[in-house]
Protein backbone atom coordinates (compact mmCIF):
# COMPACT_ATOMS: atom_id res chain seq x y z
CA MET A 1 -18.79 2.04 0.08
CA ALA A 2 -21.19 -0.90 0.21
CA GLN A 3 -20.01 -3.84 2.22
CA THR A 4 -22.35 -6.68 3.06
CA HIS A 5 -19.79 -9.13 4.47
CA ASP A 6 -17.65 -8.62 7.54
CA LEU A 7 -13.94 -9.21 6.92
CA THR A 8 -12.95 -8.94 10.58
CA GLY A 9 -11.70 -11.91 12.58
CA HIS A 10 -8.84 -14.34 12.92
CA TRP A 11 -8.12 -16.14 9.67
CA LYS A 12 -5.86 -19.12 9.03
CA LEU A 13 -4.42 -20.02 5.61
CA ASP A 14 -5.79 -23.15 3.93
CA PRO A 15 -2.64 -24.32 2.09
CA LYS A 16 -4.51 -26.95 0.05
CA GLN A 17 -6.75 -24.32 -1.55
CA SER A 18 -4.07 -21.63 -1.87
CA THR A 19 -1.38 -20.96 -4.44
CA LYS A 20 2.13 -22.00 -3.47
CA PRO A 21 4.36 -18.88 -3.77
CA GLU A 22 7.46 -20.88 -4.70
CA VAL A 23 5.62 -22.33 -7.70
CA GLU A 24 4.20 -18.98 -8.86
CA PHE A 25 7.51 -17.12 -8.58
CA LYS A 26 9.55 -19.91 -10.19
CA GLY A 27 11.26 -18.62 -13.31
CA LYS A 28 9.86 -15.10 -12.84
CA LEU A 29 12.61 -13.57 -10.69
CA ARG A 30 15.33 -11.74 -12.59
CA THR A 31 18.87 -12.87 -12.02
CA SER A 32 21.11 -10.57 -10.01
CA ALA A 33 23.45 -8.41 -12.01
CA LEU A 34 26.63 -10.02 -10.78
CA LYS A 35 29.80 -9.24 -12.70
CA TRP A 36 32.89 -11.32 -13.20
CA LYS A 37 36.11 -9.66 -12.17
CA ALA A 38 39.32 -10.83 -13.74
CA ARG A 39 41.84 -11.67 -11.08
CA GLU A 40 45.36 -10.39 -11.12
CA ASP A 41 47.37 -13.29 -9.80
CA LYS A 42 50.91 -12.17 -10.39
CA GLY A 43 52.21 -15.29 -8.68
CA LEU A 44 50.48 -17.65 -11.12
CA PRO A 45 52.28 -18.52 -14.32
CA ASP A 46 50.41 -18.24 -17.61
CA GLY A 47 49.08 -21.52 -18.78
CA PRO A 48 46.41 -24.17 -18.15
CA TYR A 49 46.13 -23.62 -14.36
CA ARG A 50 45.28 -19.93 -14.73
CA GLU A 51 42.77 -20.77 -17.49
CA ARG A 52 41.11 -23.46 -15.35
CA LEU A 53 40.87 -21.04 -12.41
CA ALA A 54 39.25 -18.41 -14.64
CA ASP A 55 36.78 -21.00 -16.00
CA TYR A 56 35.92 -22.09 -12.45
CA GLU A 57 35.29 -18.49 -11.38
CA LYS A 58 33.00 -17.88 -14.37
CA GLN A 59 31.04 -21.09 -13.62
CA HIS A 60 30.73 -20.06 -9.97
CA LEU A 61 29.38 -16.66 -11.01
CA GLU A 62 26.79 -18.26 -13.32
CA SER A 63 25.75 -20.54 -10.45
CA GLN A 64 25.28 -17.53 -8.17
CA LYS A 65 23.12 -15.85 -10.82
CA ARG A 66 20.92 -18.96 -11.13
CA LYS A 67 20.53 -19.12 -7.33
CA SER A 68 19.50 -15.45 -7.22
CA ALA A 69 16.61 -16.23 -9.59
CA LYS A 70 15.17 -18.63 -6.98
CA ASN A 71 15.71 -16.55 -3.82
CA LEU A 72 12.37 -15.08 -2.69
CA LYS A 73 14.19 -13.01 -0.04
CA ARG A 74 15.13 -10.66 -2.88
CA LEU A 75 11.51 -9.48 -2.84
CA GLY A 76 12.31 -7.52 0.33
CA LEU A 77 9.40 -5.87 2.11
CA ILE A 78 6.72 -7.90 0.33
CA LEU A 79 8.02 -11.27 1.58
CA PRO A 80 5.79 -11.25 4.71
CA LEU A 81 2.73 -10.77 2.46
CA ILE A 82 3.76 -13.72 0.34
CA SER A 83 4.55 -16.11 3.19
CA CYS A 84 1.71 -15.12 5.54
CA GLN A 85 0.04 -18.12 7.26
CA SER A 86 -2.47 -16.28 9.44
CA LEU A 87 -4.24 -12.96 9.28
CA GLN A 88 -6.10 -10.99 11.92
CA ILE A 89 -8.37 -8.22 10.64
CA LYS A 90 -9.72 -5.47 12.89
CA LYS A 91 -11.96 -2.59 11.87
CA ARG A 92 -12.47 0.81 13.52
CA ILE A 93 -15.13 3.32 12.53
CA THR A 94 -14.83 6.89 13.80
CA GLY A 95 -17.47 9.20 12.35
CA ASN A 96 -17.30 8.68 8.59
CA ILE A 97 -13.71 7.32 8.64
CA THR A 98 -13.18 3.56 8.42
CA GLN A 99 -9.79 2.18 9.36
CA PHE A 100 -8.58 -1.42 9.07
CA ILE A 101 -5.71 -3.08 10.91
CA PHE A 102 -4.23 -6.23 9.36
CA ILE A 103 -1.91 -8.30 11.56
CA TYR A 104 0.11 -10.84 9.58
CA ASP A 105 1.23 -13.99 11.46
CA ASN A 106 0.48 -12.26 14.81
CA VAL A 107 3.58 -10.10 14.33
CA LEU A 108 3.43 -7.56 11.51
CA GLU A 109 0.81 -4.81 11.87
CA ARG A 110 -0.46 -2.77 8.93
CA LYS A 111 -2.95 0.09 9.28
CA PHE A 112 -4.82 1.84 6.51
CA THR A 113 -7.86 4.07 6.04
CA ILE A 114 -10.57 3.41 3.47
CA SER A 115 -10.87 6.14 0.85
CA SER A 116 -14.43 7.47 0.77
CA THR A 117 -13.95 8.60 -2.84
CA GLY A 118 -12.90 5.18 -4.16
CA ARG A 119 -9.99 5.02 -6.58
CA ILE A 120 -9.78 8.76 -7.02
CA PHE A 121 -6.66 10.70 -6.05
CA SER A 122 -6.53 14.29 -4.88
CA ALA A 123 -3.54 16.56 -5.42
CA LYS A 124 -2.65 16.32 -1.73
CA GLY A 125 -2.77 12.51 -1.67
CA ASN A 126 -4.83 12.37 1.53
CA GLU A 127 -6.35 9.08 0.36
CA LEU A 128 -3.04 7.27 0.83
CA SER A 129 -2.20 5.58 4.12
CA LYS A 130 1.44 5.30 5.13
CA ASN A 131 2.12 1.90 6.71
CA ILE A 132 4.88 -0.63 7.25
CA PHE A 133 5.04 -1.64 3.56
CA GLY A 134 4.70 1.78 1.92
CA TYR A 135 1.81 3.92 0.74
CA THR A 136 -1.58 2.21 0.35
CA LEU A 137 -4.75 3.35 -1.34
CA ALA A 138 -7.66 1.33 0.12
CA TYR A 139 -11.20 1.33 -1.25
CA PHE A 140 -14.21 -0.91 -1.79
CA ASP A 141 -15.36 -2.02 -5.22
CA ARG A 142 -18.74 -3.64 -4.55
CA ASN A 143 -17.99 -6.20 -1.79
CA ILE A 144 -14.25 -6.42 -2.52
CA LEU A 145 -11.70 -4.53 -0.45
CA ILE A 146 -8.91 -3.40 -2.76
CA LEU A 147 -5.48 -2.32 -1.55
CA GLU A 148 -3.03 -0.75 -3.97
CA THR A 149 0.41 -0.33 -2.43
CA ASP A 150 3.67 1.18 -3.63
CA THR A 151 6.35 -0.15 -1.30
CA TYR A 152 9.35 1.79 -0.06
CA ASP A 153 11.69 -0.49 -2.00
CA GLY A 154 9.94 -0.06 -5.37
CA HIS A 155 7.43 -2.90 -5.65
CA ARG A 156 3.78 -2.46 -6.62
CA ILE A 157 1.10 -4.70 -5.06
CA LYS A 158 -2.61 -4.92 -5.69
CA GLU A 159 -4.61 -6.93 -3.15
CA LYS A 160 -8.25 -7.99 -3.43
CA ILE A 161 -9.94 -9.26 -0.26
CA SER A 162 -13.47 -10.65 -0.05
CA ILE A 163 -15.63 -13.22 1.71
CA TYR A 164 -16.00 -16.43 -0.30
CA ALA A 165 -17.87 -19.58 0.86
CA ASN A 166 -17.29 -19.04 4.62
CA GLY A 167 -13.67 -18.12 3.99
CA LEU A 168 -11.56 -15.10 3.18
CA LYS A 169 -10.39 -14.90 -0.43
CA TYR A 170 -7.14 -12.91 -0.66
CA GLN A 171 -5.66 -12.28 -4.10
CA GLN A 172 -2.23 -10.64 -4.36
CA ILE A 173 -0.88 -9.27 -7.64
CA PHE A 174 2.82 -8.38 -7.61
CA ASP A 175 4.53 -6.15 -10.15
CA SER A 176 8.18 -5.42 -9.51
CA PHE A 177 11.51 -4.58 -11.12
CA VAL A 178 12.79 -7.86 -9.62
CA LEU A 179 10.23 -9.86 -11.63
CA THR A 180 10.25 -10.67 -15.35
CA LYS A 181 6.42 -10.57 -15.38
CA ARG A 182 3.46 -9.99 -13.07
CA VAL A 183 2.78 -12.69 -10.46
CA THR A 184 -0.66 -13.47 -8.97
CA ILE A 185 -1.09 -15.46 -5.76
CA ASN A 186 -4.52 -16.62 -4.62
CA LYS A 187 -4.96 -17.46 -0.95
CA LEU A 188 -7.97 -18.83 0.86
CA PHE A 189 -8.17 -18.31 4.61
CA THR A 190 -10.65 -20.11 6.86
CA GLU A 191 -11.94 -18.72 10.12
CA LYS A 192 -9.70 -19.65 13.02
CA THR A 193 -11.24 -20.74 16.30
CA THR A 194 -10.21 -18.79 19.39
CA LEU A 195 -8.11 -20.62 21.94
């Protein structure tokens, strides 16, 4: 569990050196499975009006499907990770147990314990930390803190956090049933001055 750099502190996102989530997720969200329901308008006579109404309803449904492919809110619990603008990292050491607390945008708190065995699972699953997003396995690989999370709503996230050129490099890899393929977001945070 070698760690030469301290991750703790108040960090602020550098948007110019970070990936824009909207760009990375563009075209990678699945469309919602909306279905067209044929209407039973007994008061409408057969003919061109009924056909035009049916065509309009089909076009409206297709429009709703296209909109769903652009709506990042469909990502559910992982949206705060994606849109995070600031990050506060605290570290507690009690005996041989290291615990981190990440606070996203000064609102959302996430606690997890570092696994002393690395990326090795026991039958009991004691290495997993239950937090606001789901179950997280946290471990160090050289100087990189790695978080592997299975969220409550079915997403899988791998996060890699390290110190890079006086900043905090935070890579997020998202794999989800809502996505057509894996999405990687790279964020660079710079140290925030205290007020």
